[in-house]
Amino acid sequence: MKFVGPPTQRSAVESWLHTHPASFRTAYPPRQVNNIYFDDFNLSTYEENLTGISRRMKIRFRWYGLDTNEVAGTFELKMKRNRLGWKENFRVPSLQIEGRPWGEIVRNLRDQLPMEGRTWFDRYPQPILINQYWRHYFVSHDGRVRITLDGQQRVCDQRLRPMPNLGSAANLPDALILEVKASSADLELAGRAIQGIPIRVGRHSKYVVGVQSM
């Protein structure tokens, strides 16, 4: 479940979390999330997510922290079938990004993937954008409901770039994005936990919004 609002609502959301009956607490220190989104030349996965068809996916390489030189991360296939969503993750021990040609980055990334990951990567091999944002993590006292709070998003267009563009960012209005996560067995509990949340529910795809801003 996602909720989207302006950054000015952050203090109200944090107050709601700190006074919540579920006793939400910080689960991890906040950190920067970095993603390279891949697609084909026709932006097929973008179109699927824009129209909201029942079967859609996103492909990305994700790493954490401020380093953009040599990083360890995860190649992720983010799947959606109707209202059910899940991810297939493939660990990538080391990938050099900054200052390297995209062709070299793509080859090195592909070489570290198992056959299943390579099959999908070969279908959507084009780097489209890099986005970065800060994420705060919260968890209920019983550990059954998790909340992430994202903001300060930055998007850099990678289309037709010989090397990663990390300096020229798109004009993207900032937003506050809250996501509630729970196991399928705890969805009812998560539904009760969001009562009184001071931010509106809404669809929000960082990839779709990022492409639209470029």
C-alpha atoms as a PDB file:
ATOM      1  CA  MET A   1       0.000   0.000   0.000  1.00  0.00           C
ATOM      2  CA  LYS A   2       1.432   3.334  -1.057  1.00  0.00           C
ATOM      3  CA  PHE A   3       0.616   6.842   0.145  1.00  0.00           C
ATOM      4  CA  VAL A   4       1.866   9.970  -1.603  1.00  0.00           C
ATOM      5  CA  GLY A   5       1.946  13.595  -0.511  1.00  0.00           C
ATOM      6  CA  PRO A   6       4.046  16.771  -0.566  1.00  0.00           C
ATOM      7  CA  PRO A   7       7.242  16.999   1.521  1.00  0.00           C
ATOM      8  CA  THR A   8       5.490  19.485   3.818  1.00  0.00           C
ATOM      9  CA  GLN A   9       3.550  16.545   5.290  1.00  0.00           C
ATOM     10  CA  ARG A  10       6.669  14.844   6.633  1.00  0.00           C
ATOM     11  CA  SER A  11       6.347  16.226  10.176  1.00  0.00           C
ATOM     12  CA  ALA A  12       2.688  15.126  10.376  1.00  0.00           C
ATOM     13  CA  VAL A  13       3.569  11.638   9.134  1.00  0.00           C
ATOM     14  CA  GLU A  14       6.476  11.277  11.561  1.00  0.00           C
ATOM     15  CA  SER A  15       4.265  12.443  14.436  1.00  0.00           C
ATOM     16  CA  TRP A  16       1.647   9.839  13.428  1.00  0.00           C
ATOM     17  CA  LEU A  17       4.323   7.124  13.441  1.00  0.00           C
ATOM     18  CA  HIS A  18       5.777   8.101  16.813  1.00  0.00           C
ATOM     19  CA  THR A  19       2.373   8.152  18.536  1.00  0.00           C
ATOM     20  CA  HIS A  20       0.923   5.097  16.795  1.00  0.00           C
ATOM     21  CA  PRO A  21      -0.571   2.300  18.972  1.00  0.00           C
ATOM     22  CA  ALA A  22       1.646  -0.190  17.107  1.00  0.00           C
ATOM     23  CA  SER A  23       4.688   1.611  18.568  1.00  0.00           C
ATOM     24  CA  PHE A  24       6.558   2.044  15.305  1.00  0.00           C
ATOM     25  CA  ARG A  25      10.300   2.441  15.788  1.00  0.00           C
ATOM     26  CA  THR A  26      13.260   3.036  13.510  1.00  0.00           C
ATOM     27  CA  ALA A  27      14.286  -0.303  12.005  1.00  0.00           C
ATOM     28  CA  TYR A  28      17.496   0.815  10.253  1.00  0.00           C
ATOM     29  CA  PRO A  29      19.407   4.077   9.908  1.00  0.00           C
ATOM     30  CA  PRO A  30      18.216   6.132   6.907  1.00  0.00           C
ATOM     31  CA  ARG A  31      20.246   5.613   3.753  1.00  0.00           C
ATOM     32  CA  GLN A  32      20.423   6.636   0.114  1.00  0.00           C
ATOM     33  CA  VAL A  33      18.860   4.204  -2.358  1.00  0.00           C
ATOM     34  CA  ASN A  34      20.255   4.136  -5.913  1.00  0.00           C
ATOM     35  CA  ASN A  35      18.641   2.420  -8.899  1.00  0.00           C
ATOM     36  CA  ILE A  36      19.508   1.956 -12.551  1.00  0.00           C
ATOM     37  CA  TYR A  37      16.293   1.160 -14.435  1.00  0.00           C
ATOM     38  CA  PHE A  38      16.549  -0.861 -17.629  1.00  0.00           C
ATOM     39  CA  ASP A  39      14.037  -1.227 -20.462  1.00  0.00           C
ATOM     40  CA  ASP A  40      13.988  -1.812 -24.215  1.00  0.00           C
ATOM     41  CA  PHE A  41      14.114   0.857 -26.939  1.00  0.00           C
ATOM     42  CA  ASN A  42      10.295   1.014 -26.973  1.00  0.00           C
ATOM     43  CA  LEU A  43      10.096   1.575 -23.204  1.00  0.00           C
ATOM     44  CA  SER A  44       7.831  -1.459 -22.928  1.00  0.00           C
ATOM     45  CA  THR A  45       7.990  -1.841 -19.146  1.00  0.00           C
ATOM     46  CA  TYR A  46       7.352   1.897 -18.769  1.00  0.00           C
ATOM     47  CA  GLU A  47       4.223   1.599 -20.921  1.00  0.00           C
ATOM     48  CA  GLU A  48       3.015  -1.434 -18.931  1.00  0.00           C
ATOM     49  CA  ASN A  49       3.387   0.418 -15.646  1.00  0.00           C
ATOM     50  CA  LEU A  50       1.911   3.627 -17.042  1.00  0.00           C
ATOM     51  CA  THR A  51      -1.282   1.908 -18.167  1.00  0.00           C
ATOM     52  CA  GLY A  52      -1.420  -0.287 -15.065  1.00  0.00           C
ATOM     53  CA  ILE A  53      -2.101  -3.558 -16.877  1.00  0.00           C
ATOM     54  CA  SER A  54      -2.577  -6.599 -14.650  1.00  0.00           C
ATOM     55  CA  ARG A  55       0.781  -8.176 -15.593  1.00  0.00           C
ATOM     56  CA  ARG A  56       3.729  -5.812 -15.472  1.00  0.00           C
ATOM     57  CA  MET A  57       7.322  -5.653 -14.317  1.00  0.00           C
ATOM     58  CA  LYS A  58      10.322  -3.414 -13.738  1.00  0.00           C
ATOM     59  CA  ILE A  59      14.004  -4.270 -14.076  1.00  0.00           C
ATOM     60  CA  ARG A  60      16.667  -2.476 -12.088  1.00  0.00           C
ATOM     61  CA  PHE A  61      20.064  -2.688 -10.443  1.00  0.00           C
ATOM     62  CA  ARG A  62      19.956  -1.374  -6.872  1.00  0.00           C
ATOM     63  CA  TRP A  63      22.669  -0.427  -4.417  1.00  0.00           C
ATOM     64  CA  TYR A  64      22.782   1.585  -1.200  1.00  0.00           C
ATOM     65  CA  GLY A  65      24.948   4.437   0.014  1.00  0.00           C
ATOM     66  CA  LEU A  66      26.752   7.395  -1.490  1.00  0.00           C
ATOM     67  CA  ASP A  67      29.378   5.498  -3.495  1.00  0.00           C
ATOM     68  CA  THR A  68      28.957   5.555  -7.275  1.00  0.00           C
ATOM     69  CA  ASN A  69      32.331   4.101  -8.236  1.00  0.00           C
ATOM     70  CA  GLU A  70      32.580   0.389  -7.386  1.00  0.00           C
ATOM     71  CA  VAL A  71      29.478  -0.936  -5.660  1.00  0.00           C
ATOM     72  CA  ALA A  72      27.871  -4.184  -4.534  1.00  0.00           C
ATOM     73  CA  GLY A  73      24.164  -4.460  -5.202  1.00  0.00           C
ATOM     74  CA  THR A  74      21.221  -6.475  -6.415  1.00  0.00           C
ATOM     75  CA  PHE A  75      19.718  -7.041  -9.853  1.00  0.00           C
ATOM     76  CA  GLU A  76      15.962  -7.016  -9.260  1.00  0.00           C
ATOM     77  CA  LEU A  77      12.977  -8.177 -11.268  1.00  0.00           C
ATOM     78  CA  LYS A  78       9.969  -6.470  -9.713  1.00  0.00           C
ATOM     79  CA  MET A  79       6.828  -8.337 -10.763  1.00  0.00           C
ATOM     80  CA  LYS A  80       3.160  -7.409 -10.433  1.00  0.00           C
ATOM     81  CA  ARG A  81       0.206  -9.712 -11.156  1.00  0.00           C
ATOM     82  CA  ASN A  82      -3.064  -7.935 -10.397  1.00  0.00           C
ATOM     83  CA  ARG A  83      -2.672  -6.840  -6.753  1.00  0.00           C
ATOM     84  CA  LEU A  84       0.053  -9.358  -5.921  1.00  0.00           C
ATOM     85  CA  GLY A  85       3.617  -8.109  -6.155  1.00  0.00           C
ATOM     86  CA  TRP A  86       6.976  -9.801  -5.571  1.00  0.00           C
ATOM     87  CA  LYS A  87      10.649  -9.511  -6.456  1.00  0.00           C
ATOM     88  CA  GLU A  88      13.294 -11.852  -7.822  1.00  0.00           C
ATOM     89  CA  ASN A  89      16.710 -10.767  -6.548  1.00  0.00           C
ATOM     90  CA  PHE A  90      20.173 -11.661  -7.855  1.00  0.00           C
ATOM     91  CA  ARG A  91      23.226 -10.552  -5.908  1.00  0.00           C
ATOM     92  CA  VAL A  92      25.901  -8.630  -7.826  1.00  0.00           C
ATOM     93  CA  PRO A  93      29.139  -8.624  -5.775  1.00  0.00           C
ATOM     94  CA  SER A  94      30.940  -5.807  -7.600  1.00  0.00           C
ATOM     95  CA  LEU A  95      30.042  -3.375 -10.365  1.00  0.00           C
ATOM     96  CA  GLN A  96      32.015  -0.323 -11.456  1.00  0.00           C
ATOM     97  CA  ILE A  97      29.726   2.509 -12.530  1.00  0.00           C
ATOM     98  CA  GLU A  98      31.099   6.043 -12.503  1.00  0.00           C
ATOM     99  CA  GLY A  99      33.374   6.855 -15.427  1.00  0.00           C
ATOM    100  CA  ARG A 100      32.773   3.538 -17.198  1.00  0.00           C
ATOM    101  CA  PRO A 101      31.093   3.198 -20.630  1.00  0.00           C
ATOM    102  CA  TRP A 102      27.566   1.826 -20.511  1.00  0.00           C
ATOM    103  CA  GLY A 103      28.541  -1.047 -22.798  1.00  0.00           C
ATOM    104  CA  GLU A 104      31.148  -2.210 -20.282  1.00  0.00           C
ATOM    105  CA  ILE A 105      28.755  -1.811 -17.335  1.00  0.00           C
ATOM    106  CA  VAL A 106      26.040  -3.827 -19.064  1.00  0.00           C
ATOM    107  CA  ARG A 107      28.484  -6.629 -19.976  1.00  0.00           C
ATOM    108  CA  ASN A 108      29.929  -6.807 -16.459  1.00  0.00           C
ATOM    109  CA  LEU A 109      26.476  -6.833 -14.899  1.00  0.00           C
ATOM    110  CA  ARG A 110      25.229  -9.544 -17.241  1.00  0.00           C
ATOM    111  CA  ASP A 111      28.298 -11.715 -16.582  1.00  0.00           C
ATOM    112  CA  GLN A 112      27.413 -11.826 -12.870  1.00  0.00           C
ATOM    113  CA  LEU A 113      23.819 -12.974 -13.380  1.00  0.00           C
ATOM    114  CA  PRO A 114      22.488 -16.534 -13.445  1.00  0.00           C
ATOM    115  CA  MET A 115      20.646 -17.753 -16.533  1.00  0.00           C
ATOM    116  CA  GLU A 116      17.219 -16.552 -15.351  1.00  0.00           C
ATOM    117  CA  GLY A 117      18.514 -13.033 -14.745  1.00  0.00           C
ATOM    118  CA  ARG A 118      20.345 -12.961 -18.086  1.00  0.00           C
ATOM    119  CA  THR A 119      17.213 -14.021 -19.954  1.00  0.00           C
ATOM    120  CA  TRP A 120      15.268 -11.031 -18.641  1.00  0.00           C
ATOM    121  CA  PHE A 121      18.225  -8.649 -18.971  1.00  0.00           C
ATOM    122  CA  ASP A 122      18.647  -9.575 -22.634  1.00  0.00           C
ATOM    123  CA  ARG A 123      15.037  -8.513 -23.232  1.00  0.00           C
ATOM    124  CA  TYR A 124      15.442  -5.153 -21.480  1.00  0.00           C
ATOM    125  CA  PRO A 125      19.134  -4.180 -21.733  1.00  0.00           C
ATOM    126  CA  GLN A 126      18.888  -0.401 -22.179  1.00  0.00           C
ATOM    127  CA  PRO A 127      19.797   1.879 -19.233  1.00  0.00           C
ATOM    128  CA  ILE A 128      17.003   4.462 -19.101  1.00  0.00           C
ATOM    129  CA  LEU A 129      17.463   6.386 -15.880  1.00  0.00           C
ATOM    130  CA  ILE A 130      19.241   6.480 -12.539  1.00  0.00           C
ATOM    131  CA  ASN A 131      17.238   7.584  -9.547  1.00  0.00           C
ATOM    132  CA  GLN A 132      18.410   8.283  -6.018  1.00  0.00           C
ATOM    133  CA  TYR A 133      16.437   9.054  -2.870  1.00  0.00           C
ATOM    134  CA  TRP A 134      16.653   8.881   0.906  1.00  0.00           C
ATOM    135  CA  ARG A 135      14.740   6.123   2.679  1.00  0.00           C
ATOM    136  CA  HIS A 136      13.723   5.917   6.343  1.00  0.00           C
ATOM    137  CA  TYR A 137      12.694   2.560   7.812  1.00  0.00           C
ATOM    138  CA  PHE A 138      10.131   1.833  10.530  1.00  0.00           C
ATOM    139  CA  VAL A 139       8.737  -1.385  12.021  1.00  0.00           C
ATOM    140  CA  SER A 140       5.908  -2.106  14.459  1.00  0.00           C
ATOM    141  CA  HIS A 141       6.741  -3.382  17.942  1.00  0.00           C
ATOM    142  CA  ASP A 142       5.819  -6.965  16.937  1.00  0.00           C
ATOM    143  CA  GLY A 143       7.767  -6.773  13.662  1.00  0.00           C
ATOM    144  CA  ARG A 144       4.734  -7.652  11.528  1.00  0.00           C
ATOM    145  CA  VAL A 145       4.174  -4.292   9.800  1.00  0.00           C
ATOM    146  CA  ARG A 146       6.973  -2.380   8.096  1.00  0.00           C
ATOM    147  CA  ILE A 147       6.887   1.164   6.751  1.00  0.00           C
ATOM    148  CA  THR A 148       9.326   2.959   4.476  1.00  0.00           C
ATOM    149  CA  LEU A 149       9.340   6.721   3.991  1.00  0.00           C
ATOM    150  CA  ASP A 150      11.069   8.067   0.870  1.00  0.00           C
ATOM    151  CA  GLY A 151      11.939  11.609  -0.157  1.00  0.00           C
ATOM    152  CA  GLN A 152      14.536  13.870  -1.812  1.00  0.00           C
ATOM    153  CA  GLN A 153      14.287  11.921  -5.060  1.00  0.00           C
ATOM    154  CA  ARG A 154      16.670  12.750  -7.885  1.00  0.00           C
ATOM    155  CA  VAL A 155      16.460  11.433 -11.471  1.00  0.00           C
ATOM    156  CA  CYS A 156      19.164  11.455 -14.163  1.00  0.00           C
ATOM    157  CA  ASP A 157      18.397  10.590 -17.799  1.00  0.00           C
ATOM    158  CA  GLN A 158      20.671   7.879 -19.259  1.00  0.00           C
ATOM    159  CA  ARG A 159      19.235   7.617 -22.770  1.00  0.00           C
ATOM    160  CA  LEU A 160      21.803   8.141 -25.541  1.00  0.00           C
ATOM    161  CA  ARG A 161      24.541   8.675 -22.948  1.00  0.00           C
ATOM    162  CA  PRO A 162      27.868   6.891 -23.574  1.00  0.00           C
ATOM    163  CA  MET A 163      28.605   6.828 -19.822  1.00  0.00           C
ATOM    164  CA  PRO A 164      26.448   7.176 -16.694  1.00  0.00           C
ATOM    165  CA  ASN A 165      25.027  10.645 -16.194  1.00  0.00           C
ATOM    166  CA  LEU A 166      25.136  11.372 -12.466  1.00  0.00           C
ATOM    167  CA  GLY A 167      25.385  15.145 -12.601  1.00  0.00           C
ATOM    168  CA  SER A 168      22.569  16.487 -14.786  1.00  0.00           C
ATOM    169  CA  ALA A 169      19.270  15.834 -12.990  1.00  0.00           C
ATOM    170  CA  ALA A 170      15.759  16.187 -14.380  1.00  0.00           C
ATOM    171  CA  ASN A 171      13.337  18.775 -13.032  1.00  0.00           C
ATOM    172  CA  LEU A 172      11.412  16.446 -10.729  1.00  0.00           C
ATOM    173  CA  PRO A 173       9.045  17.855  -8.078  1.00  0.00           C
ATOM    174  CA  ASP A 174       9.821  16.323  -4.698  1.00  0.00           C
ATOM    175  CA  ALA A 175       7.272  14.054  -3.056  1.00  0.00           C
ATOM    176  CA  LEU A 176       6.876  12.122   0.173  1.00  0.00           C
ATOM    177  CA  ILE A 177       6.208   8.431  -0.485  1.00  0.00           C
ATOM    178  CA  LEU A 178       5.130   6.107   2.316  1.00  0.00           C
ATOM    179  CA  GLU A 179       4.776   2.382   1.720  1.00  0.00           C
ATOM    180  CA  VAL A 180       3.265  -0.135   4.129  1.00  0.00           C
ATOM    181  CA  LYS A 181       4.559  -3.700   3.859  1.00  0.00           C
ATOM    182  CA  ALA A 182       3.463  -6.938   5.507  1.00  0.00           C
ATOM    183  CA  SER A 183       3.273 -10.630   4.743  1.00  0.00           C
ATOM    184  CA  SER A 184       0.140 -11.940   3.032  1.00  0.00           C
ATOM    185  CA  ALA A 185      -0.960 -13.370   6.390  1.00  0.00           C
ATOM    186  CA  ASP A 186      -0.752  -9.923   8.023  1.00  0.00           C
ATOM    187  CA  LEU A 187      -2.519  -7.790   5.405  1.00  0.00           C
ATOM    188  CA  GLU A 188      -5.551  -7.287   7.648  1.00  0.00           C
ATOM    189  CA  LEU A 189      -3.263  -6.128  10.445  1.00  0.00           C
ATOM    190  CA  ALA A 190      -1.555  -3.711   8.056  1.00  0.00           C
ATOM    191  CA  GLY A 191      -4.953  -2.394   6.987  1.00  0.00           C
ATOM    192  CA  ARG A 192      -5.815  -1.567  10.589  1.00  0.00           C
ATOM    193  CA  ALA A 193      -2.408   0.011  11.144  1.00  0.00           C
ATOM    194  CA  ILE A 194      -2.932   2.673   8.468  1.00  0.00           C
ATOM    195  CA  GLN A 195      -6.099   4.078  10.026  1.00  0.00           C
ATOM    196  CA  GLY A 196      -5.696   7.787  10.624  1.00  0.00           C
ATOM    197  CA  ILE A 197      -2.653   8.137   8.400  1.00  0.00           C
ATOM    198  CA  PRO A 198      -2.306  11.853   7.462  1.00  0.00           C
ATOM    199  CA  ILE A 199      -1.419  11.265   3.809  1.00  0.00           C
ATOM    200  CA  ARG A 200      -3.442  10.104   0.820  1.00  0.00           C
ATOM    201  CA  VAL A 201      -3.317   6.670  -0.718  1.00  0.00           C
ATOM    202  CA  GLY A 202      -2.196   6.719  -4.331  1.00  0.00           C
ATOM    203  CA  ARG A 203      -0.362   4.939  -7.115  1.00  0.00           C
ATOM    204  CA  HIS A 204       3.218   6.027  -7.511  1.00  0.00           C
ATOM    205  CA  SER A 205       5.897   4.423  -9.654  1.00  0.00           C
ATOM    206  CA  LYS A 206       9.290   6.077  -9.288  1.00  0.00           C
ATOM    207  CA  TYR A 207      10.254   4.711 -12.697  1.00  0.00           C
ATOM    208  CA  VAL A 208       7.149   6.088 -14.431  1.00  0.00           C
ATOM    209  CA  VAL A 209       7.442   9.472 -12.706  1.00  0.00           C
ATOM    210  CA  GLY A 210      11.142   9.566 -13.530  1.00  0.00           C
ATOM    211  CA  VAL A 211      10.623   8.906 -17.252  1.00  0.00           C
ATOM    212  CA  GLN A 212       7.868  11.517 -17.384  1.00  0.00           C
ATOM    213  CA  SER A 213      10.172  14.117 -15.830  1.00  0.00           C
ATOM    214  CA  MET A 214      12.941  13.656 -18.410  1.00  0.00           C
END
